[in-house]
Amino acid sequence: MDTDRPIVVAGAGAIGCFVGGMLAAAGRRVALLVRPRVKTEIERFGLRLTDFDGSETRLGETRLGAGQLALSEDPAVLHSAGIVLVTVKSADTADVADQIAQHAPQDAVIVSLQNGIGNVAALRQRLVGRRVLAGMVPFNVIAMGEGRFHRSTSGDIHVGEDPGNTAAALSVAGLTVRASGDITGVQWGKLIINLNNALSALSDLPLAAQLASRDWRRLFADQMAEGLAALKAAGIAPVSSTPIPMSWSPTLLRLPDAIFKAILGRTMKIDPEARSSMWQDLKQGRKTEIDYLQGAVIALAEQNRVDVPLMRRIVALIKEAEAAGNGPPRLTPRQIRGSA
């Protein structure tokens, strides 16, 4: 792989700016295909990347001037890309695929770093003959304003194995990228964990506070159990991103607070103020990715005649919150369970 050609982040929001910024800080040529608002913000303030390390007292910080990476609203910036990292919302995958088809070189490697399961298929449908790889980003990034993007949970990125070892080409100090021989299982494992995004959004609680509450964890565990049942019926084996097997997760979530906290502390670091991307979407009045998360599991459940009433209830509540436009509705676990 020609490492002299730029890495282009297509649709650089919170995840894209963080990943692209870390690559640029490590000396890689990086271009961000961004919306006008993000371009203006970075041109004014530069790019400031902060990283919670689990100590609650020390933050790693990386600063880049606007001149250390290319910023563009024009998809023509893709014209010399060696790698394209797709970080748009799932609903925008088809549009960005068309931009890549029109502007990116035929031999550019396309890597989806998006939530959900169906994005790689959508990209491949429009990018026939190109190398399209699935990826999984386990950590959350919060756009804090004034050019600051904050990684608030831990974990390493996974990318599907390929002959060019794209994962190794993307792995730099502070941003580990690992090749996976079962990237589909890894993606399903992340999706099952991401089912909590909706609960975080409905609660209006930081992730750490939500996971510290046994009532909220039991709700997450019940939703996760529905998802795992749907995957089992479909013959899909999700891969855990932690040392804890996915099948154990519902049981562990239901444990008393002190025991759960001890186990979580050994497997994952979470910033006290970490929030889910779905919470950010409701906060900013944007459409969420609920149809690509819970929606994907519900579709699988329907195909295999598995009942998922709690998940359906959660989808309905998120859509109500989207329609109301008043931000996260601050529901309790009891209110969310409703008649589910």
Protein backbone atom coordinates (compact mmCIF):
# COMPACT_ATOMS: atom_id res chain seq x y z
CA MET A 1 0.00 0.00 0.00
CA ASP A 2 1.29 3.47 -0.96
CA THR A 3 1.55 5.27 2.37
CA ASP A 4 2.47 8.55 0.63
CA ARG A 5 -1.06 8.94 -0.66
CA PRO A 6 -3.44 10.71 1.72
CA ILE A 7 -5.96 9.10 4.01
CA VAL A 8 -9.27 10.83 3.39
CA VAL A 9 -11.95 10.82 6.10
CA ALA A 10 -15.28 11.01 4.29
CA GLY A 11 -17.86 12.68 6.49
CA ALA A 12 -15.66 13.82 9.35
CA GLY A 13 -17.87 14.32 12.39
CA ALA A 14 -16.81 13.45 15.93
CA ILE A 15 -15.33 10.00 15.18
CA GLY A 16 -13.86 11.11 11.86
CA CYS A 17 -12.19 14.22 13.27
CA PHE A 18 -10.71 12.26 16.17
CA VAL A 19 -9.41 9.38 14.05
CA GLY A 20 -8.19 11.67 11.28
CA GLY A 21 -6.56 13.98 13.78
CA MET A 22 -4.69 11.16 15.50
CA LEU A 23 -3.43 9.92 12.14
CA ALA A 24 -2.29 13.42 11.18
CA ALA A 25 -0.57 13.89 14.54
CA ALA A 26 1.40 10.71 13.83
CA GLY A 27 2.67 12.20 10.56
CA ARG A 28 0.22 10.68 8.08
CA ARG A 29 -1.12 12.79 5.23
CA VAL A 30 -4.80 13.30 6.08
CA ALA A 31 -7.68 15.13 4.44
CA LEU A 32 -11.06 15.66 6.06
CA LEU A 33 -14.17 15.86 3.89
CA VAL A 34 -16.33 17.93 6.23
CA ARG A 35 -19.47 20.00 6.51
CA PRO A 36 -19.01 23.79 6.35
CA ARG A 37 -19.62 24.21 10.09
CA VAL A 38 -16.85 21.77 11.03
CA LYS A 39 -14.45 23.27 8.49
CA THR A 40 -15.01 26.76 9.87
CA GLU A 41 -14.58 25.54 13.46
CA ILE A 42 -11.26 23.77 12.77
CA GLU A 43 -9.93 26.68 10.68
CA ARG A 44 -10.65 29.02 13.56
CA PHE A 45 -9.58 26.93 16.55
CA GLY A 46 -7.42 24.14 15.13
CA LEU A 47 -8.02 20.55 16.17
CA ARG A 48 -7.72 19.64 19.84
CA LEU A 49 -7.97 15.94 20.68
CA THR A 50 -8.37 14.88 24.28
CA ASP A 51 -8.44 11.36 25.63
CA PHE A 52 -9.75 10.06 28.93
CA ASP A 53 -7.29 7.54 30.34
CA GLY A 54 -9.44 6.16 33.15
CA SER A 55 -7.73 7.99 36.01
CA GLU A 56 -10.38 10.76 36.20
CA THR A 57 -7.54 13.22 36.75
CA ARG A 58 -5.25 13.15 33.70
CA LEU A 59 -6.16 13.78 30.08
CA GLY A 60 -3.94 13.07 27.15
CA GLU A 61 -4.08 15.95 24.68
CA THR A 62 -3.04 16.42 21.05
CA ARG A 63 -3.23 19.74 19.25
CA LEU A 64 -3.04 20.32 15.50
CA GLY A 65 -3.16 23.54 13.55
CA ALA A 66 -5.59 23.77 10.66
CA GLY A 67 -2.62 23.62 8.30
CA GLN A 68 -1.56 20.16 9.50
CA LEU A 69 -4.34 18.49 7.56
CA ALA A 70 -6.39 19.30 4.49
CA LEU A 71 -9.97 20.47 5.04
CA SER A 72 -12.52 20.44 2.25
CA GLU A 73 -16.25 20.51 1.61
CA ASP A 74 -15.62 19.30 -1.95
CA PRO A 75 -15.61 15.51 -2.58
CA ALA A 76 -12.93 16.13 -5.20
CA VAL A 77 -10.53 15.94 -2.23
CA LEU A 78 -10.87 12.15 -2.68
CA HIS A 79 -9.03 12.24 -6.02
CA SER A 80 -5.66 10.94 -4.77
CA ALA A 81 -6.76 8.97 -1.70
CA GLY A 82 -4.96 5.78 -0.82
CA ILE A 83 -7.42 4.94 1.96
CA VAL A 84 -10.92 6.36 2.46
CA LEU A 85 -12.36 6.14 5.96
CA VAL A 86 -16.15 6.36 5.82
CA THR A 87 -17.53 7.87 9.03
CA VAL A 88 -20.91 9.27 7.95
CA LYS A 89 -24.19 8.30 9.57
CA SER A 90 -25.71 5.14 8.12
CA ALA A 91 -28.47 7.07 6.34
CA ASP A 92 -25.81 8.93 4.31
CA THR A 93 -23.85 5.84 3.19
CA ALA A 94 -25.33 5.68 -0.31
CA ASP A 95 -24.55 9.35 -0.98
CA VAL A 96 -20.95 9.11 0.17
CA ALA A 97 -20.50 5.91 -1.85
CA ASP A 98 -21.54 7.80 -4.98
CA GLN A 99 -19.00 10.53 -4.18
CA ILE A 100 -16.27 7.93 -3.72
CA ALA A 101 -17.21 6.24 -7.01
CA GLN A 102 -16.96 9.54 -8.84
CA HIS A 103 -13.80 10.95 -7.28
CA ALA A 104 -11.60 8.33 -5.57
CA PRO A 105 -9.00 6.23 -7.42
CA GLN A 106 -10.09 2.72 -8.33
CA ASP A 107 -7.39 1.19 -6.12
CA ALA A 108 -8.23 3.23 -3.00
CA VAL A 109 -9.13 1.04 -0.02
CA ILE A 110 -12.52 1.94 1.46
CA VAL A 111 -12.96 1.31 5.21
CA SER A 112 -16.34 1.70 6.90
CA LEU A 113 -15.95 2.94 10.48
CA GLN A 114 -19.71 3.30 10.97
CA ASN A 115 -22.26 2.01 13.42
CA GLY A 116 -24.53 -0.79 12.33
CA ILE A 117 -24.24 -3.83 10.10
CA GLY A 118 -25.47 -2.95 6.62
CA ASN A 119 -23.09 -0.17 5.60
CA VAL A 120 -20.43 -2.34 3.98
CA ALA A 121 -23.04 -4.05 1.79
CA ALA A 122 -24.39 -0.64 0.77
CA LEU A 123 -20.89 0.57 -0.09
CA ARG A 124 -20.02 -2.56 -2.06
CA GLN A 125 -23.24 -2.33 -4.03
CA ARG A 126 -22.17 1.08 -5.36
CA LEU A 127 -18.42 0.45 -5.46
CA VAL A 128 -18.27 -2.77 -7.47
CA GLY A 129 -14.74 -4.08 -7.97
CA ARG A 130 -13.22 -1.94 -5.22
CA ARG A 131 -11.74 -3.14 -1.94
CA VAL A 132 -14.27 -2.30 0.79
CA LEU A 133 -13.48 -3.34 4.36
CA ALA A 134 -15.66 -3.42 7.44
CA GLY A 135 -14.40 -1.75 10.59
CA MET A 136 -15.53 -1.29 14.18
CA VAL A 137 -14.81 1.68 16.46
CA PRO A 138 -15.45 0.67 20.09
CA PHE A 139 -14.97 4.06 21.72
CA ASN A 140 -17.18 7.14 21.94
CA VAL A 141 -16.08 10.60 20.85
CA ILE A 142 -17.83 13.77 21.98
CA ALA A 143 -17.68 17.00 19.96
CA MET A 144 -17.01 19.55 22.70
CA GLY A 145 -16.94 22.66 20.52
CA GLU A 146 -14.12 25.06 19.54
CA GLY A 147 -12.29 22.28 17.69
CA ARG A 148 -12.13 19.88 20.62
CA PHE A 149 -13.01 16.21 20.16
CA HIS A 150 -12.88 14.05 23.26
CA ARG A 151 -12.52 10.26 23.34
CA SER A 152 -14.53 9.23 26.36
CA THR A 153 -14.33 5.41 26.44
CA SER A 154 -11.59 2.89 25.77
CA GLY A 155 -10.95 0.24 23.14
CA ASP A 156 -9.08 -0.50 19.91
CA ILE A 157 -10.44 -0.17 16.38
CA HIS A 158 -10.87 -3.42 14.42
CA VAL A 159 -10.72 -3.71 10.63
CA GLY A 160 -11.25 -6.78 8.50
CA GLU A 161 -8.14 -8.64 7.38
CA ASP A 162 -6.97 -7.93 3.83
CA PRO A 163 -3.85 -8.68 1.74
CA GLY A 164 -2.61 -5.10 2.04
CA ASN A 165 -2.79 -5.20 5.86
CA THR A 166 -4.80 -2.00 5.98
CA ALA A 167 -5.19 -2.29 9.76
CA ALA A 168 -1.43 -2.00 10.24
CA ALA A 169 -1.29 0.98 7.87
CA LEU A 170 -3.84 2.79 10.04
CA SER A 171 -2.40 1.90 13.45
CA VAL A 172 -0.44 4.74 15.08
CA ALA A 173 0.56 5.83 18.57
CA GLY A 174 -2.57 6.50 20.59
CA LEU A 175 -4.83 4.87 18.01
CA THR A 176 -4.42 1.11 17.80
CA VAL A 177 -6.06 -0.60 14.83
CA ARG A 178 -6.21 -4.40 14.81
CA ALA A 179 -6.92 -6.80 11.95
CA SER A 180 -9.82 -9.16 12.56
CA GLY A 181 -10.52 -12.49 10.90
CA ASP A 182 -14.18 -12.31 11.99
CA ILE A 183 -15.10 -8.70 11.48
CA THR A 184 -18.79 -9.56 10.98
CA GLY A 185 -18.87 -11.14 14.45
CA VAL A 186 -17.04 -8.13 15.84
CA GLN A 187 -19.58 -5.76 14.26
CA TRP A 188 -22.53 -7.70 15.66
CA GLY A 189 -20.86 -7.70 19.07
CA LYS A 190 -20.50 -3.92 18.91
CA LEU A 191 -24.10 -3.55 17.76
CA ILE A 192 -25.35 -5.51 20.78
CA ILE A 193 -23.36 -3.18 23.06
CA ASN A 194 -24.65 -0.18 21.12
CA LEU A 195 -28.20 -1.14 22.05
CA ASN A 196 -27.44 0.86 25.19
CA ASN A 197 -27.09 4.04 23.11
CA ALA A 198 -30.86 4.40 23.09
CA LEU A 199 -31.14 3.92 26.86
CA SER A 200 -28.47 6.55 27.38
CA ALA A 201 -30.39 8.92 25.12
CA LEU A 202 -33.72 8.28 26.83
CA SER A 203 -32.25 8.65 30.32
CA ASP A 204 -30.22 11.82 29.71
CA LEU A 205 -27.60 10.31 32.03
CA PRO A 206 -23.86 10.02 31.37
CA LEU A 207 -22.90 6.43 30.53
CA ALA A 208 -20.94 5.97 33.75
CA ALA A 209 -23.87 7.12 35.92
CA GLN A 210 -26.30 4.97 33.99
CA LEU A 211 -24.11 1.86 34.29
CA ALA A 212 -23.66 2.55 38.00
CA SER A 213 -27.40 2.00 38.50
CA ARG A 214 -28.60 -1.60 38.76
CA ASP A 215 -32.08 -0.69 37.51
CA TRP A 216 -30.62 0.74 34.32
CA ARG A 217 -28.25 -2.21 33.92
CA ARG A 218 -31.13 -4.68 34.30
CA LEU A 219 -32.97 -2.84 31.55
CA PHE A 220 -29.88 -3.01 29.33
CA ALA A 221 -29.45 -6.71 30.21
CA ASP A 222 -33.04 -7.52 29.23
CA GLN A 223 -32.66 -5.70 25.92
CA MET A 224 -29.32 -7.39 25.29
CA ALA A 225 -30.87 -10.80 26.03
CA GLU A 226 -33.49 -10.14 23.35
CA GLY A 227 -30.76 -9.24 20.89
CA LEU A 228 -28.65 -12.27 21.68
CA ALA A 229 -31.69 -14.53 21.25
CA ALA A 230 -32.31 -13.06 17.80
CA LEU A 231 -28.67 -13.58 16.80
CA LYS A 232 -28.66 -17.14 18.10
CA ALA A 233 -31.77 -17.98 16.10
CA ALA A 234 -30.05 -16.60 13.00
CA GLY A 235 -26.86 -18.58 13.63
CA ILE A 236 -24.76 -15.46 14.25
CA ALA A 237 -22.02 -15.55 16.89
CA PRO A 238 -21.21 -12.02 18.13
CA VAL A 239 -17.60 -11.38 19.16
CA SER A 240 -17.02 -9.49 22.40
CA SER A 241 -14.68 -6.48 22.36
CA THR A 242 -13.70 -7.24 25.97
CA PRO A 243 -12.30 -10.38 27.64
CA ILE A 244 -15.85 -11.16 28.85
CA PRO A 245 -17.81 -13.49 26.51
CA MET A 246 -20.86 -11.81 25.04
CA SER A 247 -23.16 -14.54 26.37
CA TRP A 248 -22.15 -13.67 29.94
CA SER A 249 -22.95 -9.97 29.60
CA PRO A 250 -26.65 -9.96 30.63
CA THR A 251 -25.84 -11.92 33.79
CA LEU A 252 -22.96 -9.59 34.68
CA LEU A 253 -25.10 -6.49 34.10
CA ARG A 254 -27.62 -7.77 36.64
CA LEU A 255 -25.01 -8.19 39.40
CA PRO A 256 -24.99 -5.93 42.50
CA ASP A 257 -23.37 -2.54 41.97
CA ALA A 258 -20.08 -3.18 43.80
CA ILE A 259 -19.36 -6.44 41.97
CA PHE A 260 -20.27 -5.00 38.60
CA LYS A 261 -18.11 -1.92 39.13
CA ALA A 262 -15.10 -4.08 39.95
CA ILE A 263 -15.54 -6.14 36.78
CA LEU A 264 -16.18 -3.12 34.54
CA GLY A 265 -13.10 -1.35 35.86
CA ARG A 266 -10.93 -4.24 34.66
CA THR A 267 -12.37 -4.39 31.16
CA MET A 268 -13.31 -0.85 30.13
CA LYS A 269 -12.52 2.76 31.01
CA ILE A 270 -15.34 5.32 30.85
CA ASP A 271 -15.13 9.08 31.28
CA PRO A 272 -17.61 10.25 33.96
CA GLU A 273 -19.16 12.58 31.36
CA ALA A 274 -19.20 10.14 28.42
CA ARG A 275 -22.43 10.19 26.41
CA SER A 276 -23.72 8.09 23.55
CA SER A 277 -23.92 9.35 19.97
CA MET A 278 -27.69 8.86 20.08
CA TRP A 279 -27.88 11.18 23.10
CA GLN A 280 -25.94 13.76 21.06
CA ASP A 281 -28.36 13.36 18.15
CA LEU A 282 -31.43 13.96 20.33
CA LYS A 283 -29.70 16.87 22.05
CA GLN A 284 -29.04 18.53 18.69
CA GLY A 285 -32.41 17.69 17.16
CA ARG A 286 -30.98 15.25 14.60
CA LYS A 287 -32.44 11.97 13.40
CA THR A 288 -30.85 9.06 15.26
CA GLU A 289 -29.49 5.76 13.96
CA ILE A 290 -32.08 3.71 15.86
CA ASP A 291 -33.25 2.02 12.62
CA TYR A 292 -29.70 0.78 11.99
CA LEU A 293 -29.14 -0.50 15.54
CA GLN A 294 -32.31 -1.80 17.23
CA GLY A 295 -33.92 -1.81 13.80
CA ALA A 296 -31.36 -4.28 12.43
CA VAL A 297 -31.94 -6.66 15.36
CA ILE A 298 -35.71 -6.38 15.06
CA ALA A 299 -35.50 -7.26 11.35
CA LEU A 300 -33.40 -10.30 12.22
CA ALA A 301 -35.84 -11.28 14.96
CA GLU A 302 -38.78 -11.07 12.56
CA GLN A 303 -37.00 -13.32 10.06
CA ASN A 304 -36.45 -15.93 12.76
CA ARG A 305 -39.72 -15.52 14.68
CA VAL A 306 -38.12 -14.21 17.86
CA ASP A 307 -40.14 -11.86 20.06
CA VAL A 308 -38.36 -8.62 21.07
CA PRO A 309 -41.05 -6.49 22.80
CA LEU A 310 -38.68 -4.37 24.90
CA MET A 311 -36.61 -3.45 21.88
CA ARG A 312 -39.73 -2.44 19.96
CA ARG A 313 -40.81 -0.29 22.89
CA ILE A 314 -37.43 1.46 22.97
CA VAL A 315 -37.56 2.18 19.22
CA ALA A 316 -41.02 3.73 19.65
CA LEU A 317 -39.80 5.95 22.50
CA ILE A 318 -36.77 7.17 20.53
CA LYS A 319 -38.95 8.02 17.55
CA GLU A 320 -41.33 9.91 19.85
CA ALA A 321 -38.37 11.89 21.19
CA GLU A 322 -37.14 12.60 17.66
CA ALA A 323 -40.59 13.87 16.65
CA ALA A 324 -40.96 16.02 19.79
CA GLY A 325 -37.60 17.71 19.19
CA ASN A 326 -37.13 18.52 22.88
CA GLY A 327 -33.92 16.58 23.38
CA PRO A 328 -33.43 13.56 25.66
CA PRO A 329 -36.74 12.94 27.50
CA ARG A 330 -35.21 11.88 30.87
CA LEU A 331 -37.27 8.74 31.29
CA THR A 332 -36.87 6.26 34.13
CA PRO A 333 -36.35 2.51 33.65
CA ARG A 334 -39.96 1.95 34.76
CA GLN A 335 -41.27 4.42 32.18
CA ILE A 336 -39.20 2.79 29.43
CA ARG A 337 -40.44 -0.68 30.29
CA GLY A 338 -44.04 0.53 30.09
CA SER A 339 -46.12 -2.37 28.76
CA ALA A 340 -43.12 -4.15 27.19
